[in-house]
Amino acid sequence: MIPIKLPKEQKDEMIKELQNFFYEERGEEIGTIASERLLDHMMHQFAPYIYNQGVRDAKAAVNEKLSQVEDELYALERPINRR
């Protein structure tokens, strides 16, 4: 899997969310370095699952649109008069 490179602003926001989660759920304060390491670990471990689900969702959306296009093309067909 290709490593995910997030913009610094997004990664910083995710780190803050992890820190907030630990404080609210466990009453623990974790530092920025620990939060960043945890985030990196989670992304490395779970990103392939999330990515693959995104691919499956995109495939389903494309298939749905393709089905709609096929229906629209079928509706454009003209009847053929046979004698």
N, C-alpha and C. Protein backbone atom coordinates (compact mmCIF):
# COMPACT_ATOMS: atom_id res chain seq x y z
N MET A 1 0.85 -1.18 0.00
CA MET A 1 0.00 0.00 0.00
C MET A 1 0.89 1.23 0.00
N ILE A 2 0.51 2.19 -0.81
CA ILE A 2 1.24 3.45 -0.88
C ILE A 2 0.98 4.23 0.41
N PRO A 3 2.04 4.74 1.04
CA PRO A 3 1.83 5.51 2.27
C PRO A 3 0.94 6.72 2.02
N ILE A 4 0.11 7.02 2.99
CA ILE A 4 -0.79 8.16 2.88
C ILE A 4 -0.07 9.40 3.40
N LYS A 5 -0.02 10.41 2.57
CA LYS A 5 0.61 11.68 2.95
C LYS A 5 -0.50 12.70 3.10
N LEU A 6 -0.79 13.04 4.34
CA LEU A 6 -1.83 14.02 4.62
C LEU A 6 -1.23 15.42 4.72
N PRO A 7 -2.00 16.43 4.34
CA PRO A 7 -1.54 17.80 4.59
C PRO A 7 -1.33 18.01 6.09
N LYS A 8 -0.34 18.81 6.43
CA LYS A 8 0.00 19.04 7.84
C LYS A 8 -1.20 19.49 8.65
N GLU A 9 -2.03 20.36 8.08
CA GLU A 9 -3.19 20.87 8.81
C GLU A 9 -4.15 19.73 9.17
N GLN A 10 -4.37 18.81 8.24
CA GLN A 10 -5.27 17.69 8.51
C GLN A 10 -4.68 16.76 9.56
N LYS A 11 -3.40 16.47 9.43
CA LYS A 11 -2.76 15.58 10.41
C LYS A 11 -2.79 16.21 11.80
N ASP A 12 -2.52 17.50 11.89
CA ASP A 12 -2.57 18.19 13.18
C ASP A 12 -3.96 18.11 13.79
N GLU A 13 -4.99 18.27 12.95
CA GLU A 13 -6.37 18.19 13.44
C GLU A 13 -6.68 16.78 13.95
N MET A 14 -6.21 15.77 13.24
CA MET A 14 -6.44 14.39 13.67
C MET A 14 -5.72 14.10 14.99
N ILE A 15 -4.53 14.63 15.14
CA ILE A 15 -3.78 14.46 16.39
C ILE A 15 -4.55 15.09 17.54
N LYS A 16 -5.08 16.29 17.33
CA LYS A 16 -5.88 16.95 18.38
C LYS A 16 -7.12 16.12 18.72
N GLU A 17 -7.75 15.54 17.70
CA GLU A 17 -8.93 14.70 17.94
C GLU A 17 -8.56 13.47 18.78
N LEU A 18 -7.42 12.87 18.51
CA LEU A 18 -6.97 11.74 19.33
C LEU A 18 -6.72 12.17 20.77
N GLN A 19 -6.08 13.31 20.94
CA GLN A 19 -5.83 13.81 22.29
C GLN A 19 -7.14 14.07 23.02
N ASN A 20 -8.10 14.67 22.33
CA ASN A 20 -9.41 14.92 22.94
C ASN A 20 -10.11 13.62 23.29
N PHE A 21 -10.04 12.64 22.41
CA PHE A 21 -10.67 11.35 22.66
C PHE A 21 -10.09 10.71 23.92
N PHE A 22 -8.77 10.67 24.02
CA PHE A 22 -8.15 10.05 25.20
C PHE A 22 -8.55 10.78 26.48
N TYR A 23 -8.62 12.10 26.41
CA TYR A 23 -8.98 12.86 27.60
C TYR A 23 -10.43 12.62 27.99
N GLU A 24 -11.33 12.66 27.00
CA GLU A 24 -12.76 12.51 27.29
C GLU A 24 -13.13 11.08 27.66
N GLU A 25 -12.54 10.10 27.00
CA GLU A 25 -12.93 8.71 27.22
C GLU A 25 -12.15 8.03 28.35
N ARG A 26 -10.91 8.43 28.53
CA ARG A 26 -10.07 7.74 29.50
C ARG A 26 -9.55 8.64 30.61
N GLY A 27 -9.78 9.94 30.46
CA GLY A 27 -9.27 10.86 31.46
C GLY A 27 -7.76 10.98 31.42
N GLU A 28 -7.16 10.63 30.29
CA GLU A 28 -5.71 10.67 30.14
C GLU A 28 -5.32 11.76 29.16
N GLU A 29 -4.24 12.42 29.49
CA GLU A 29 -3.68 13.39 28.55
C GLU A 29 -2.48 12.73 27.88
N ILE A 30 -2.50 12.74 26.55
CA ILE A 30 -1.34 12.22 25.82
C ILE A 30 -0.76 13.36 25.00
N GLY A 31 0.55 13.34 24.86
CA GLY A 31 1.23 14.41 24.16
C GLY A 31 1.11 14.30 22.66
N THR A 32 1.64 15.31 22.02
CA THR A 32 1.59 15.38 20.56
C THR A 32 2.37 14.24 19.92
N ILE A 33 3.55 13.94 20.44
CA ILE A 33 4.37 12.87 19.86
C ILE A 33 3.68 11.52 19.99
N ALA A 34 3.14 11.24 21.17
CA ALA A 34 2.43 9.97 21.37
C ALA A 34 1.20 9.89 20.47
N SER A 35 0.49 10.99 20.34
CA SER A 35 -0.69 11.02 19.48
C SER A 35 -0.31 10.81 18.02
N GLU A 36 0.78 11.43 17.61
CA GLU A 36 1.23 11.28 16.22
C GLU A 36 1.66 9.84 15.94
N ARG A 37 2.36 9.24 16.88
CA ARG A 37 2.77 7.84 16.70
C ARG A 37 1.56 6.92 16.65
N LEU A 38 0.57 7.17 17.50
CA LEU A 38 -0.65 6.37 17.48
C LEU A 38 -1.38 6.55 16.16
N LEU A 39 -1.48 7.79 15.70
CA LEU A 39 -2.14 8.06 14.41
C LEU A 39 -1.41 7.36 13.28
N ASP A 40 -0.09 7.45 13.25
CA ASP A 40 0.68 6.78 12.20
C ASP A 40 0.45 5.28 12.23
N HIS A 41 0.44 4.71 13.43
CA HIS A 41 0.20 3.27 13.56
C HIS A 41 -1.20 2.90 13.06
N MET A 42 -2.19 3.66 13.48
CA MET A 42 -3.56 3.37 13.07
C MET A 42 -3.72 3.50 11.56
N MET A 43 -3.12 4.53 10.99
CA MET A 43 -3.22 4.70 9.55
C MET A 43 -2.55 3.55 8.82
N HIS A 44 -1.40 3.13 9.30
CA HIS A 44 -0.69 2.02 8.67
C HIS A 44 -1.50 0.73 8.75
N GLN A 45 -2.13 0.50 9.90
CA GLN A 45 -2.87 -0.75 10.11
C GLN A 45 -4.25 -0.73 9.46
N PHE A 46 -4.95 0.39 9.53
CA PHE A 46 -6.36 0.41 9.13
C PHE A 46 -6.63 1.06 7.78
N ALA A 47 -5.70 1.85 7.28
CA ALA A 47 -5.93 2.54 6.01
C ALA A 47 -6.27 1.58 4.87
N PRO A 48 -5.62 0.42 4.76
CA PRO A 48 -5.98 -0.48 3.65
C PRO A 48 -7.45 -0.91 3.69
N TYR A 49 -7.98 -1.15 4.88
CA TYR A 49 -9.39 -1.53 5.00
C TYR A 49 -10.30 -0.39 4.54
N ILE A 50 -9.98 0.81 5.01
CA ILE A 50 -10.79 1.98 4.68
C ILE A 50 -10.67 2.30 3.19
N TYR A 51 -9.46 2.23 2.68
CA TYR A 51 -9.23 2.48 1.26
C TYR A 51 -10.00 1.49 0.39
N ASN A 52 -9.91 0.21 0.73
CA ASN A 52 -10.60 -0.81 -0.05
C ASN A 52 -12.11 -0.61 -0.02
N GLN A 53 -12.64 -0.21 1.12
CA GLN A 53 -14.08 0.06 1.19
C GLN A 53 -14.43 1.25 0.31
N GLY A 54 -13.58 2.25 0.29
CA GLY A 54 -13.79 3.40 -0.58
C GLY A 54 -13.81 2.99 -2.05
N VAL A 55 -12.90 2.09 -2.42
CA VAL A 55 -12.87 1.58 -3.80
C VAL A 55 -14.17 0.84 -4.11
N ARG A 56 -14.62 -0.01 -3.18
CA ARG A 56 -15.88 -0.74 -3.39
C ARG A 56 -17.07 0.21 -3.51
N ASP A 57 -17.09 1.23 -2.67
CA ASP A 57 -18.17 2.23 -2.73
C ASP A 57 -18.15 2.97 -4.07
N ALA A 58 -16.95 3.34 -4.53
CA ALA A 58 -16.82 4.04 -5.81
C ALA A 58 -17.26 3.14 -6.95
N LYS A 59 -16.88 1.87 -6.88
CA LYS A 59 -17.28 0.91 -7.92
C LYS A 59 -18.80 0.79 -7.97
N ALA A 60 -19.43 0.70 -6.83
CA ALA A 60 -20.89 0.59 -6.78
C ALA A 60 -21.55 1.85 -7.35
N ALA A 61 -21.00 3.02 -7.04
CA ALA A 61 -21.55 4.27 -7.56
C ALA A 61 -21.40 4.34 -9.07
N VAL A 62 -20.24 3.93 -9.58
CA VAL A 62 -20.02 3.94 -11.03
C VAL A 62 -20.95 2.94 -11.71
N ASN A 63 -21.11 1.76 -11.13
CA ASN A 63 -22.02 0.76 -11.71
C ASN A 63 -23.46 1.28 -11.74
N GLU A 64 -23.87 1.98 -10.70
CA GLU A 64 -25.22 2.55 -10.66
C GLU A 64 -25.40 3.58 -11.77
N LYS A 65 -24.41 4.46 -11.92
CA LYS A 65 -24.48 5.48 -12.97
C LYS A 65 -24.47 4.82 -14.35
N LEU A 66 -23.65 3.79 -14.53
CA LEU A 66 -23.60 3.09 -15.81
C LEU A 66 -24.94 2.46 -16.13
N SER A 67 -25.59 1.91 -15.14
CA SER A 67 -26.91 1.32 -15.33
C SER A 67 -27.91 2.39 -15.77
N GLN A 68 -27.82 3.56 -15.17
CA GLN A 68 -28.71 4.66 -15.55
C GLN A 68 -28.45 5.11 -16.99
N VAL A 69 -27.18 5.18 -17.37
CA VAL A 69 -26.83 5.57 -18.74
C VAL A 69 -27.35 4.53 -19.72
N GLU A 70 -27.20 3.24 -19.39
CA GLU A 70 -27.71 2.18 -20.26
C GLU A 70 -29.22 2.32 -20.45
N ASP A 71 -29.93 2.60 -19.37
CA ASP A 71 -31.38 2.79 -19.46
C ASP A 71 -31.72 3.98 -20.36
N GLU A 72 -30.98 5.08 -20.20
CA GLU A 72 -31.22 6.26 -21.02
C GLU A 72 -30.92 6.00 -22.49
N LEU A 73 -29.85 5.26 -22.76
CA LEU A 73 -29.52 4.92 -24.14
C LEU A 73 -30.58 4.01 -24.75
N TYR A 74 -31.05 3.06 -23.98
CA TYR A 74 -32.10 2.17 -24.46
C TYR A 74 -33.36 2.97 -24.80
N ALA A 75 -33.68 3.96 -24.00
CA ALA A 75 -34.86 4.79 -24.25
C ALA A 75 -34.72 5.62 -25.53
N LEU A 76 -33.50 5.87 -25.98
CA LEU A 76 -33.27 6.63 -27.21
C LEU A 76 -33.46 5.80 -28.47
N GLU A 77 -33.47 4.50 -28.34
CA GLU A 77 -33.61 3.65 -29.52
C GLU A 77 -34.95 3.90 -30.20
N ARG A 78 -34.95 3.81 -31.52
CA ARG A 78 -36.16 3.99 -32.32
C ARG A 78 -36.68 2.63 -32.76
N PRO A 79 -37.99 2.52 -32.83
CA PRO A 79 -38.55 1.25 -33.29
C PRO A 79 -38.25 1.04 -34.78
N ILE A 80 -38.13 -0.19 -35.16
CA ILE A 80 -37.88 -0.55 -36.55
C ILE A 80 -39.16 -1.13 -37.12
N ASN A 81 -39.60 -0.56 -38.24
CA ASN A 81 -40.80 -1.07 -38.90
C ASN A 81 -40.41 -2.26 -39.77
N ARG A 82 -41.02 -3.35 -39.49
CA ARG A 82 -40.76 -4.55 -40.30
C ARG A 82 -42.02 -4.87 -41.07
N ARG A 83 -41.89 -5.12 -42.36
CA ARG A 83 -43.04 -5.42 -43.20
C ARG A 83 -43.13 -6.85 -43.52
